[in-house]
Every structure is written in C-alpha cells, then in structure tokens.
Amino acid sequence: MTDETPAPARPTQPRNPLHGLTLEAIVTALADYYGWEHLGELVPIRCFMIDPSVGSSLKFLRKTPWAREKVESLYLFMLREQRREQQQQNPTSP
C-alpha cells in the first residue's frame, strides 16, 4: 500500500512582478532597455562590462546571489520607470 500525499501547491504571487520570469528574460530586458554599456555602469560587474552577452551574464548571476539581487532590483526599477514614462505620455484626465 502506497501513501501518496499530494505535492504542496505552489503559492501564487500575484503582486510579485518577478514571479514567472526567467533570469534570461530579466537580463535581456535590461540589456535592451539600458544597453550593455549603461548596464555595466549601473551594475558594475565584469560580465556586463567586458565582452557582454546574455550567456556569460547568466552563468555569473546564477552563481553570485548578491549580483543577482542587484540585477533583479534594477529590473524592478526599470519597470517603475517604464510605467512613469507611459503615464507621462498618456495622462488620464480625472
């Protein structure tokens, strides 16, 4: 007789903007928005400054929690910046 207990359901995170995003998607979005040169100024790590690529960045960020936190924080900042830009372009009248 096997006792199969269901796996615990993953909690949904409706208010977490990083939920469901891959690190690759985050790095790609940052590189597209800021460009590698400016990204290297904002987060001064070698993989952004010397011969940058998504692959080398992913390798480094997966092994380096403090750098990944900085990148994720910058991504959240970028989202806020994009929202502000959209609101300025399309102001809603009261």
PDB file of N, CA and C in Angstrom:
ATOM      1  N   MET A   1       0.849  -1.174   0.000  1.00  0.00           N
ATOM      2  CA  MET A   1       0.000   0.000   0.000  1.00  0.00           C
ATOM      3  C   MET A   1       0.896   1.239   0.000  1.00  0.00           C
ATOM      4  N   THR A   2       0.689   2.114  -0.943  1.00  0.00           N
ATOM      5  CA  THR A   2       1.498   3.332  -1.000  1.00  0.00           C
ATOM      6  C   THR A   2       0.678   4.502  -0.499  1.00  0.00           C
ATOM      7  N   ASP A   3       1.350   5.318   0.252  1.00  0.00           N
ATOM      8  CA  ASP A   3       0.705   6.510   0.786  1.00  0.00           C
ATOM      9  C   ASP A   3       1.172   7.710  -0.031  1.00  0.00           C
ATOM     10  N   GLU A   4       0.390   8.074  -1.014  1.00  0.00           N
ATOM     11  CA  GLU A   4       0.768   9.185  -1.873  1.00  0.00           C
ATOM     12  C   GLU A   4       0.092  10.451  -1.384  1.00  0.00           C
ATOM     13  N   THR A   5       0.913  11.350  -0.879  1.00  0.00           N
ATOM     14  CA  THR A   5       0.369  12.639  -0.470  1.00  0.00           C
ATOM     15  C   THR A   5       0.606  13.614  -1.604  1.00  0.00           C
ATOM     16  N   PRO A   6      -0.363  14.441  -1.868  1.00  0.00           N
ATOM     17  CA  PRO A   6      -0.179  15.388  -2.975  1.00  0.00           C
ATOM     18  C   PRO A   6       0.923  16.391  -2.654  1.00  0.00           C
ATOM     19  N   ALA A   7       1.624  16.756  -3.687  1.00  0.00           N
ATOM     20  CA  ALA A   7       2.683  17.759  -3.518  1.00  0.00           C
ATOM     21  C   ALA A   7       2.036  19.076  -3.119  1.00  0.00           C
ATOM     22  N   PRO A   8       2.704  19.817  -2.227  1.00  0.00           N
ATOM     23  CA  PRO A   8       2.115  21.092  -1.820  1.00  0.00           C
ATOM     24  C   PRO A   8       2.019  22.040  -3.015  1.00  0.00           C
ATOM     25  N   ALA A   9       0.908  22.702  -3.085  1.00  0.00           N
ATOM     26  CA  ALA A   9       0.700  23.638  -4.188  1.00  0.00           C
ATOM     27  C   ALA A   9       1.627  24.829  -4.028  1.00  0.00           C
ATOM     28  N   ARG A  10       2.149  25.278  -5.147  1.00  0.00           N
ATOM     29  CA  ARG A  10       2.997  26.468  -5.101  1.00  0.00           C
ATOM     30  C   ARG A  10       2.114  27.676  -4.827  1.00  0.00           C
ATOM     31  N   PRO A  11       2.517  28.487  -3.888  1.00  0.00           N
ATOM     32  CA  PRO A  11       1.700  29.668  -3.624  1.00  0.00           C
ATOM     33  C   PRO A  11       1.785  30.642  -4.801  1.00  0.00           C
ATOM     34  N   THR A  12       0.655  31.199  -5.137  1.00  0.00           N
ATOM     35  CA  THR A  12       0.664  32.180  -6.216  1.00  0.00           C
ATOM     36  C   THR A  12       1.176  33.496  -5.656  1.00  0.00           C
ATOM     37  N   GLN A  13       1.809  34.248  -6.506  1.00  0.00           N
ATOM     38  CA  GLN A  13       2.381  35.521  -6.088  1.00  0.00           C
ATOM     39  C   GLN A  13       1.889  36.611  -7.037  1.00  0.00           C
ATOM     40  N   PRO A  14       0.623  36.962  -6.930  1.00  0.00           N
ATOM     41  CA  PRO A  14       0.065  37.892  -7.910  1.00  0.00           C
ATOM     42  C   PRO A  14       0.703  39.285  -7.870  1.00  0.00           C
ATOM     43  N   ARG A  15       1.291  39.674  -6.755  1.00  0.00           N
ATOM     44  CA  ARG A  15       1.842  41.015  -6.653  1.00  0.00           C
ATOM     45  C   ARG A  15       3.361  41.042  -6.799  1.00  0.00           C
ATOM     46  N   ASN A  16       3.964  39.909  -7.113  1.00  0.00           N
ATOM     47  CA  ASN A  16       5.406  39.834  -7.304  1.00  0.00           C
ATOM     48  C   ASN A  16       5.709  39.943  -8.802  1.00  0.00           C
ATOM     49  N   PRO A  17       6.248  41.083  -9.243  1.00  0.00           N
ATOM     50  CA  PRO A  17       6.497  41.253 -10.680  1.00  0.00           C
ATOM     51  C   PRO A  17       7.575  40.323 -11.233  1.00  0.00           C
ATOM     52  N   LEU A  18       8.368  39.694 -10.368  1.00  0.00           N
ATOM     53  CA  LEU A  18       9.399  38.771 -10.838  1.00  0.00           C
ATOM     54  C   LEU A  18       8.868  37.345 -10.979  1.00  0.00           C
ATOM     55  N   HIS A  19       7.694  37.082 -10.429  1.00  0.00           N
ATOM     56  CA  HIS A  19       7.136  35.735 -10.445  1.00  0.00           C
ATOM     57  C   HIS A  19       6.905  35.266 -11.879  1.00  0.00           C
ATOM     58  N   GLY A  20       7.458  34.118 -12.198  1.00  0.00           N
ATOM     59  CA  GLY A  20       7.267  33.534 -13.520  1.00  0.00           C
ATOM     60  C   GLY A  20       8.268  34.008 -14.565  1.00  0.00           C
ATOM     61  N   LEU A  21       9.125  34.950 -14.206  1.00  0.00           N
ATOM     62  CA  LEU A  21      10.134  35.442 -15.151  1.00  0.00           C
ATOM     63  C   LEU A  21      11.423  34.644 -15.001  1.00  0.00           C
ATOM     64  N   THR A  22      12.057  34.377 -16.103  1.00  0.00           N
ATOM     65  CA  THR A  22      13.356  33.728 -16.040  1.00  0.00           C
ATOM     66  C   THR A  22      14.436  34.795 -15.899  1.00  0.00           C
ATOM     67  N   LEU A  23      15.567  34.390 -15.381  1.00  0.00           N
ATOM     68  CA  LEU A  23      16.699  35.300 -15.272  1.00  0.00           C
ATOM     69  C   LEU A  23      17.113  35.767 -16.666  1.00  0.00           C
ATOM     70  N   GLU A  24      17.005  34.892 -17.635  1.00  0.00           N
ATOM     71  CA  GLU A  24      17.343  35.256 -19.018  1.00  0.00           C
ATOM     72  C   GLU A  24      16.445  36.387 -19.522  1.00  0.00           C
ATOM     73  N   ALA A  25      15.157  36.308 -19.227  1.00  0.00           N
ATOM     74  CA  ALA A  25      14.228  37.360 -19.651  1.00  0.00           C
ATOM     75  C   ALA A  25      14.565  38.690 -18.977  1.00  0.00           C
ATOM     76  N   ILE A  26      14.968  38.635 -17.721  1.00  0.00           N
ATOM     77  CA  ILE A  26      15.317  39.853 -16.980  1.00  0.00           C
ATOM     78  C   ILE A  26      16.564  40.495 -17.577  1.00  0.00           C
ATOM     79  N   VAL A  27      17.609  39.695 -17.794  1.00  0.00           N
ATOM     80  CA  VAL A  27      18.860  40.232 -18.347  1.00  0.00           C
ATOM     81  C   VAL A  27      18.631  40.778 -19.754  1.00  0.00           C
ATOM     82  N   THR A  28      17.874  40.069 -20.560  1.00  0.00           N
ATOM     83  CA  THR A  28      17.591  40.516 -21.924  1.00  0.00           C
ATOM     84  C   THR A  28      16.828  41.841 -21.916  1.00  0.00           C
ATOM     85  N   ALA A  29      15.829  41.948 -21.047  1.00  0.00           N
ATOM     86  CA  ALA A  29      15.049  43.188 -20.970  1.00  0.00           C
ATOM     87  C   ALA A  29      15.922  44.354 -20.530  1.00  0.00           C
ATOM     88  N   LEU A  30      16.791  44.121 -19.549  1.00  0.00           N
ATOM     89  CA  LEU A  30      17.685  45.188 -19.076  1.00  0.00           C
ATOM     90  C   LEU A  30      18.659  45.612 -20.169  1.00  0.00           C
ATOM     91  N   ALA A  31      19.231  44.642 -20.879  1.00  0.00           N
ATOM     92  CA  ALA A  31      20.189  44.955 -21.942  1.00  0.00           C
ATOM     93  C   ALA A  31      19.492  45.714 -23.077  1.00  0.00           C
ATOM     94  N   ASP A  32      18.263  45.351 -23.389  1.00  0.00           N
ATOM     95  CA  ASP A  32      17.506  46.046 -24.435  1.00  0.00           C
ATOM     96  C   ASP A  32      17.168  47.473 -24.007  1.00  0.00           C
ATOM     97  N   TYR A  33      16.807  47.645 -22.768  1.00  0.00           N
ATOM     98  CA  TYR A  33      16.365  48.955 -22.281  1.00  0.00           C
ATOM     99  C   TYR A  33      17.543  49.913 -22.058  1.00  0.00           C
ATOM    100  N   TYR A  34      18.577  49.433 -21.366  1.00  0.00           N
ATOM    101  CA  TYR A  34      19.698  50.300 -21.000  1.00  0.00           C
ATOM    102  C   TYR A  34      20.873  50.219 -21.977  1.00  0.00           C
ATOM    103  N   GLY A  35      21.028  49.080 -22.630  1.00  0.00           N
ATOM    104  CA  GLY A  35      22.232  48.836 -23.424  1.00  0.00           C
ATOM    105  C   GLY A  35      23.311  48.293 -22.490  1.00  0.00           C
ATOM    106  N   TRP A  36      24.222  47.488 -23.046  1.00  0.00           N
ATOM    107  CA  TRP A  36      25.247  46.847 -22.211  1.00  0.00           C
ATOM    108  C   TRP A  36      26.146  47.865 -21.505  1.00  0.00           C
ATOM    109  N   GLU A  37      26.516  48.910 -22.211  1.00  0.00           N
ATOM    110  CA  GLU A  37      27.447  49.883 -21.622  1.00  0.00           C
ATOM    111  C   GLU A  37      26.838  50.556 -20.390  1.00  0.00           C
ATOM    112  N   HIS A  38      25.619  51.031 -20.516  1.00  0.00           N
ATOM    113  CA  HIS A  38      24.971  51.679 -19.377  1.00  0.00           C
ATOM    114  C   HIS A  38      24.641  50.670 -18.283  1.00  0.00           C
ATOM    115  N   LEU A  39      24.282  49.466 -18.678  1.00  0.00           N
ATOM    116  CA  LEU A  39      24.014  48.405 -17.704  1.00  0.00           C
ATOM    117  C   LEU A  39      25.262  48.125 -16.875  1.00  0.00           C
ATOM    118  N   GLY A  40      26.429  48.122 -17.527  1.00  0.00           N
ATOM    119  CA  GLY A  40      27.693  47.926 -16.820  1.00  0.00           C
ATOM    120  C   GLY A  40      28.015  49.066 -15.863  1.00  0.00           C
ATOM    121  N   GLU A  41      27.515  50.265 -16.156  1.00  0.00           N
ATOM    122  CA  GLU A  41      27.698  51.392 -15.237  1.00  0.00           C
ATOM    123  C   GLU A  41      26.763  51.267 -14.034  1.00  0.00           C
ATOM    124  N   LEU A  42      25.541  50.807 -14.288  1.00  0.00           N
ATOM    125  CA  LEU A  42      24.556  50.685 -13.221  1.00  0.00           C
ATOM    126  C   LEU A  42      24.847  49.514 -12.286  1.00  0.00           C
ATOM    127  N   VAL A  43      25.293  48.406 -12.854  1.00  0.00           N
ATOM    128  CA  VAL A  43      25.685  47.225 -12.075  1.00  0.00           C
ATOM    129  C   VAL A  43      27.089  46.869 -12.541  1.00  0.00           C
ATOM    130  N   PRO A  44      28.102  47.399 -11.859  1.00  0.00           N
ATOM    131  CA  PRO A  44      29.486  47.237 -12.344  1.00  0.00           C
ATOM    132  C   PRO A  44      30.057  45.841 -12.092  1.00  0.00           C
ATOM    133  N   ILE A  45      29.668  44.911 -12.946  1.00  0.00           N
ATOM    134  CA  ILE A  45      30.233  43.559 -12.891  1.00  0.00           C
ATOM    135  C   ILE A  45      30.834  43.251 -14.257  1.00  0.00           C
ATOM    136  N   ARG A  46      31.890  42.464 -14.248  1.00  0.00           N
ATOM    137  CA  ARG A  46      32.664  42.199 -15.467  1.00  0.00           C
ATOM    138  C   ARG A  46      31.824  41.664 -16.625  1.00  0.00           C
ATOM    139  N   CYS A  47      30.861  40.799 -16.313  1.00  0.00           N
ATOM    140  CA  CYS A  47      30.085  40.184 -17.394  1.00  0.00           C
ATOM    141  C   CYS A  47      29.206  41.198 -18.119  1.00  0.00           C
ATOM    142  N   PHE A  48      29.019  42.378 -17.548  1.00  0.00           N
ATOM    143  CA  PHE A  48      28.289  43.448 -18.234  1.00  0.00           C
ATOM    144  C   PHE A  48      29.233  44.427 -18.912  1.00  0.00           C
ATOM    145  N   MET A  49      30.494  44.457 -18.487  1.00  0.00           N
ATOM    146  CA  MET A  49      31.412  45.475 -18.982  1.00  0.00           C
ATOM    147  C   MET A  49      32.412  44.967 -20.022  1.00  0.00           C
ATOM    148  N   ILE A  50      32.832  43.711 -19.910  1.00  0.00           N
ATOM    149  CA  ILE A  50      33.849  43.176 -20.809  1.00  0.00           C
ATOM    150  C   ILE A  50      33.233  42.052 -21.643  1.00  0.00           C
ATOM    151  N   ASP A  51      33.134  42.267 -22.938  1.00  0.00           N
ATOM    152  CA  ASP A  51      32.557  41.297 -23.877  1.00  0.00           C
ATOM    153  C   ASP A  51      31.219  40.752 -23.354  1.00  0.00           C
ATOM    154  N   PRO A  52      30.239  41.633 -23.129  1.00  0.00           N
ATOM    155  CA  PRO A  52      28.983  41.201 -22.515  1.00  0.00           C
ATOM    156  C   PRO A  52      28.134  40.333 -23.438  1.00  0.00           C
ATOM    157  N   SER A  53      27.465  39.378 -22.808  1.00  0.00           N
ATOM    158  CA  SER A  53      26.488  38.551 -23.517  1.00  0.00           C
ATOM    159  C   SER A  53      25.493  38.027 -22.488  1.00  0.00           C
ATOM    160  N   VAL A  54      24.346  37.629 -22.964  1.00  0.00           N
ATOM    161  CA  VAL A  54      23.341  37.083 -22.058  1.00  0.00           C
ATOM    162  C   VAL A  54      23.875  35.803 -21.418  1.00  0.00           C
ATOM    163  N   GLY A  55      24.509  34.946 -22.216  1.00  0.00           N
ATOM    164  CA  GLY A  55      25.022  33.675 -21.692  1.00  0.00           C
ATOM    165  C   GLY A  55      26.030  33.836 -20.578  1.00  0.00           C
ATOM    166  N   SER A  56      27.019  34.704 -20.779  1.00  0.00           N
ATOM    167  CA  SER A  56      28.039  34.890 -19.735  1.00  0.00           C
ATOM    168  C   SER A  56      27.425  35.529 -18.500  1.00  0.00           C
ATOM    169  N   SER A  57      26.463  36.412 -18.703  1.00  0.00           N
ATOM    170  CA  SER A  57      25.798  37.057 -17.576  1.00  0.00           C
ATOM    171  C   SER A  57      25.009  36.042 -16.759  1.00  0.00           C
ATOM    172  N   LEU A  58      24.286  35.162 -17.454  1.00  0.00           N
ATOM    173  CA  LEU A  58      23.507  34.153 -16.748  1.00  0.00           C
ATOM    174  C   LEU A  58      24.398  33.236 -15.921  1.00  0.00           C
ATOM    175  N   LYS A  59      25.513  32.832 -16.498  1.00  0.00           N
ATOM    176  CA  LYS A  59      26.454  31.958 -15.786  1.00  0.00           C
ATOM    177  C   LYS A  59      26.911  32.600 -14.480  1.00  0.00           C
ATOM    178  N   PHE A  60      27.302  33.880 -14.565  1.00  0.00           N
ATOM    179  CA  PHE A  60      27.794  34.589 -13.387  1.00  0.00           C
ATOM    180  C   PHE A  60      26.670  34.839 -12.377  1.00  0.00           C
ATOM    181  N   LEU A  61      25.531  35.309 -12.848  1.00  0.00           N
ATOM    182  CA  LEU A  61      24.446  35.675 -11.933  1.00  0.00           C
ATOM    183  C   LEU A  61      23.858  34.469 -11.215  1.00  0.00           C
ATOM    184  N   ARG A  62      23.874  33.314 -11.844  1.00  0.00           N
ATOM    185  CA  ARG A  62      23.351  32.106 -11.186  1.00  0.00           C
ATOM    186  C   ARG A  62      24.252  31.653 -10.040  1.00  0.00           C
ATOM    187  N   LYS A  63      25.540  32.015 -10.108  1.00  0.00           N
ATOM    188  CA  LYS A  63      26.489  31.617  -9.061  1.00  0.00           C
ATOM    189  C   LYS A  63      26.703  32.707  -8.012  1.00  0.00           C
ATOM    190  N   THR A  64      26.168  33.906  -8.246  1.00  0.00           N
ATOM    191  CA  THR A  64      26.504  35.042  -7.398  1.00  0.00           C
ATOM    192  C   THR A  64      25.223  35.729  -6.909  1.00  0.00           C
ATOM    193  N   PRO A  65      24.733  35.319  -5.736  1.00  0.00           N
ATOM    194  CA  PRO A  65      23.454  35.847  -5.248  1.00  0.00           C
ATOM    195  C   PRO A  65      23.408  37.366  -5.092  1.00  0.00           C
ATOM    196  N   TRP A  66      24.493  37.992  -4.620  1.00  0.00           N
ATOM    197  CA  TRP A  66      24.454  39.445  -4.421  1.00  0.00           C
ATOM    198  C   TRP A  66      24.302  40.186  -5.744  1.00  0.00           C
ATOM    199  N   ALA A  67      24.925  39.671  -6.804  1.00  0.00           N
ATOM    200  CA  ALA A  67      24.822  40.310  -8.116  1.00  0.00           C
ATOM    201  C   ALA A  67      23.420  40.096  -8.698  1.00  0.00           C
ATOM    202  N   ARG A  68      22.886  38.905  -8.495  1.00  0.00           N
ATOM    203  CA  ARG A  68      21.533  38.625  -8.987  1.00  0.00           C
ATOM    204  C   ARG A  68      20.521  39.547  -8.311  1.00  0.00           C
ATOM    205  N   GLU A  69      20.692  39.776  -7.012  1.00  0.00           N
ATOM    206  CA  GLU A  69      19.792  40.681  -6.293  1.00  0.00           C
ATOM    207  C   GLU A  69      19.861  42.093  -6.870  1.00  0.00           C
ATOM    208  N   LYS A  70      21.063  42.548  -7.192  1.00  0.00           N
ATOM    209  CA  LYS A  70      21.216  43.883  -7.793  1.00  0.00           C
ATOM    210  C   LYS A  70      20.516  43.951  -9.150  1.00  0.00           C
ATOM    211  N   VAL A  71      20.665  42.912  -9.944  1.00  0.00           N
ATOM    212  CA  VAL A  71      20.051  42.871 -11.271  1.00  0.00           C
ATOM    213  C   VAL A  71      18.522  42.836 -11.141  1.00  0.00           C
ATOM    214  N   GLU A  72      18.009  42.024 -10.229  1.00  0.00           N
ATOM    215  CA  GLU A  72      16.566  41.959 -10.035  1.00  0.00           C
ATOM    216  C   GLU A  72      16.025  43.297  -9.531  1.00  0.00           C
ATOM    217  N   SER A  73      16.768  43.944  -8.644  1.00  0.00           N
ATOM    218  CA  SER A  73      16.365  45.252  -8.139  1.00  0.00           C
ATOM    219  C   SER A  73      16.342  46.288  -9.266  1.00  0.00           C
ATOM    220  N   LEU A  74      17.350  46.254 -10.113  1.00  0.00           N
ATOM    221  CA  LEU A  74      17.393  47.171 -11.249  1.00  0.00           C
ATOM    222  C   LEU A  74      16.233  46.898 -12.200  1.00  0.00           C
ATOM    223  N   TYR A  75      15.876  45.644 -12.386  1.00  0.00           N
ATOM    224  CA  TYR A  75      14.747  45.288 -13.249  1.00  0.00           C
ATOM    225  C   TYR A  75      13.448  45.894 -12.704  1.00  0.00           C
ATOM    226  N   LEU A  76      13.245  45.789 -11.386  1.00  0.00           N
ATOM    227  CA  LEU A  76      12.052  46.372 -10.774  1.00  0.00           C
ATOM    228  C   LEU A  76      12.043  47.889 -10.940  1.00  0.00           C
ATOM    229  N   PHE A  77      13.209  48.510 -10.798  1.00  0.00           N
ATOM    230  CA  PHE A  77      13.329  49.949 -11.013  1.00  0.00           C
ATOM    231  C   PHE A  77      12.971  50.298 -12.455  1.00  0.00           C
ATOM    232  N   MET A  78      13.450  49.493 -13.402  1.00  0.00           N
ATOM    233  CA  MET A  78      13.165  49.718 -14.816  1.00  0.00           C
ATOM    234  C   MET A  78      11.654  49.646 -15.079  1.00  0.00           C
ATOM    235  N   LEU A  79      10.976  48.682 -14.458  1.00  0.00           N
ATOM    236  CA  LEU A  79       9.528  48.564 -14.643  1.00  0.00           C
ATOM    237  C   LEU A  79       8.813  49.815 -14.139  1.00  0.00           C
ATOM    238  N   ARG A  80       9.246  50.319 -12.971  1.00  0.00           N
ATOM    239  CA  ARG A  80       8.638  51.549 -12.437  1.00  0.00           C
ATOM    240  C   ARG A  80       8.902  52.721 -13.371  1.00  0.00           C
ATOM    241  N   GLU A  81      10.116  52.794 -13.894  1.00  0.00           N
ATOM    242  CA  GLU A  81      10.487  53.867 -14.818  1.00  0.00           C
ATOM    243  C   GLU A  81       9.627  53.793 -16.089  1.00  0.00           C
ATOM    244  N   GLN A  82       9.429  52.614 -16.613  1.00  0.00           N
ATOM    245  CA  GLN A  82       8.615  52.448 -17.815  1.00  0.00           C
ATOM    246  C   GLN A  82       7.163  52.851 -17.553  1.00  0.00           C
ATOM    247  N   ARG A  83       6.640  52.486 -16.366  1.00  0.00           N
ATOM    248  CA  ARG A  83       5.266  52.874 -16.019  1.00  0.00           C
ATOM    249  C   ARG A  83       5.129  54.391 -15.947  1.00  0.00           C
ATOM    250  N   ARG A  84       6.134  55.051 -15.328  1.00  0.00           N
ATOM    251  CA  ARG A  84       6.112  56.515 -15.241  1.00  0.00           C
ATOM    252  C   ARG A  84       6.132  57.140 -16.631  1.00  0.00           C
ATOM    253  N   GLU A  85       6.972  56.609 -17.512  1.00  0.00           N
ATOM    254  CA  GLU A  85       7.051  57.132 -18.885  1.00  0.00           C
ATOM    255  C   GLU A  85       5.711  56.980 -19.597  1.00  0.00           C
ATOM    256  N   GLN A  86       5.056  55.843 -19.411  1.00  0.00           N
ATOM    257  CA  GLN A  86       3.763  55.614 -20.048  1.00  0.00           C
ATOM    258  C   GLN A  86       2.715  56.575 -19.501  1.00  0.00           C
ATOM    259  N   GLN A  87       2.745  56.808 -18.194  1.00  0.00           N
ATOM    260  CA  GLN A  87       1.782  57.717 -17.587  1.00  0.00           C
ATOM    261  C   GLN A  87       1.998  59.143 -18.066  1.00  0.00           C
ATOM    262  N   GLN A  88       3.239  59.521 -18.292  1.00  0.00           N
ATOM    263  CA  GLN A  88       3.522  60.870 -18.783  1.00  0.00           C
ATOM    264  C   GLN A  88       3.075  61.031 -20.237  1.00  0.00           C
ATOM    265  N   GLN A  89       3.192  59.977 -21.003  1.00  0.00           N
ATOM    266  CA  GLN A  89       2.792  60.025 -22.403  1.00  0.00           C
ATOM    267  C   GLN A  89       1.275  59.966 -22.569  1.00  0.00           C
ATOM    268  N   ASN A  90       0.622  59.235 -21.692  1.00  0.00           N
ATOM    269  CA  ASN A  90      -0.829  59.039 -21.776  1.00  0.00           C
ATOM    270  C   ASN A  90      -1.478  59.443 -20.461  1.00  0.00           C
ATOM    271  N   PRO A  91      -1.469  60.719 -20.117  1.00  0.00           N
ATOM    272  CA  PRO A  91      -2.102  61.108 -18.856  1.00  0.00           C
ATOM    273  C   PRO A  91      -3.618  60.912 -18.930  1.00  0.00           C
ATOM    274  N   THR A  92      -4.161  60.393 -17.867  1.00  0.00           N
ATOM    275  CA  THR A  92      -5.603  60.202 -17.821  1.00  0.00           C
ATOM    276  C   THR A  92      -6.229  61.403 -17.143  1.00  0.00           C
ATOM    277  N   SER A  93      -7.283  61.889 -17.717  1.00  0.00           N
ATOM    278  CA  SER A  93      -7.922  63.072 -17.133  1.00  0.00           C
ATOM    279  C   SER A  93      -8.938  62.631 -16.082  1.00  0.00           C
ATOM    280  N   PRO A  94      -9.011  63.358 -14.971  1.00  0.00           N
ATOM    281  CA  PRO A  94      -9.933  62.976 -13.884  1.00  0.00           C
ATOM    282  C   PRO A  94     -11.374  63.174 -14.230  1.00  0.00           C
TER     283      PRO A  94
END
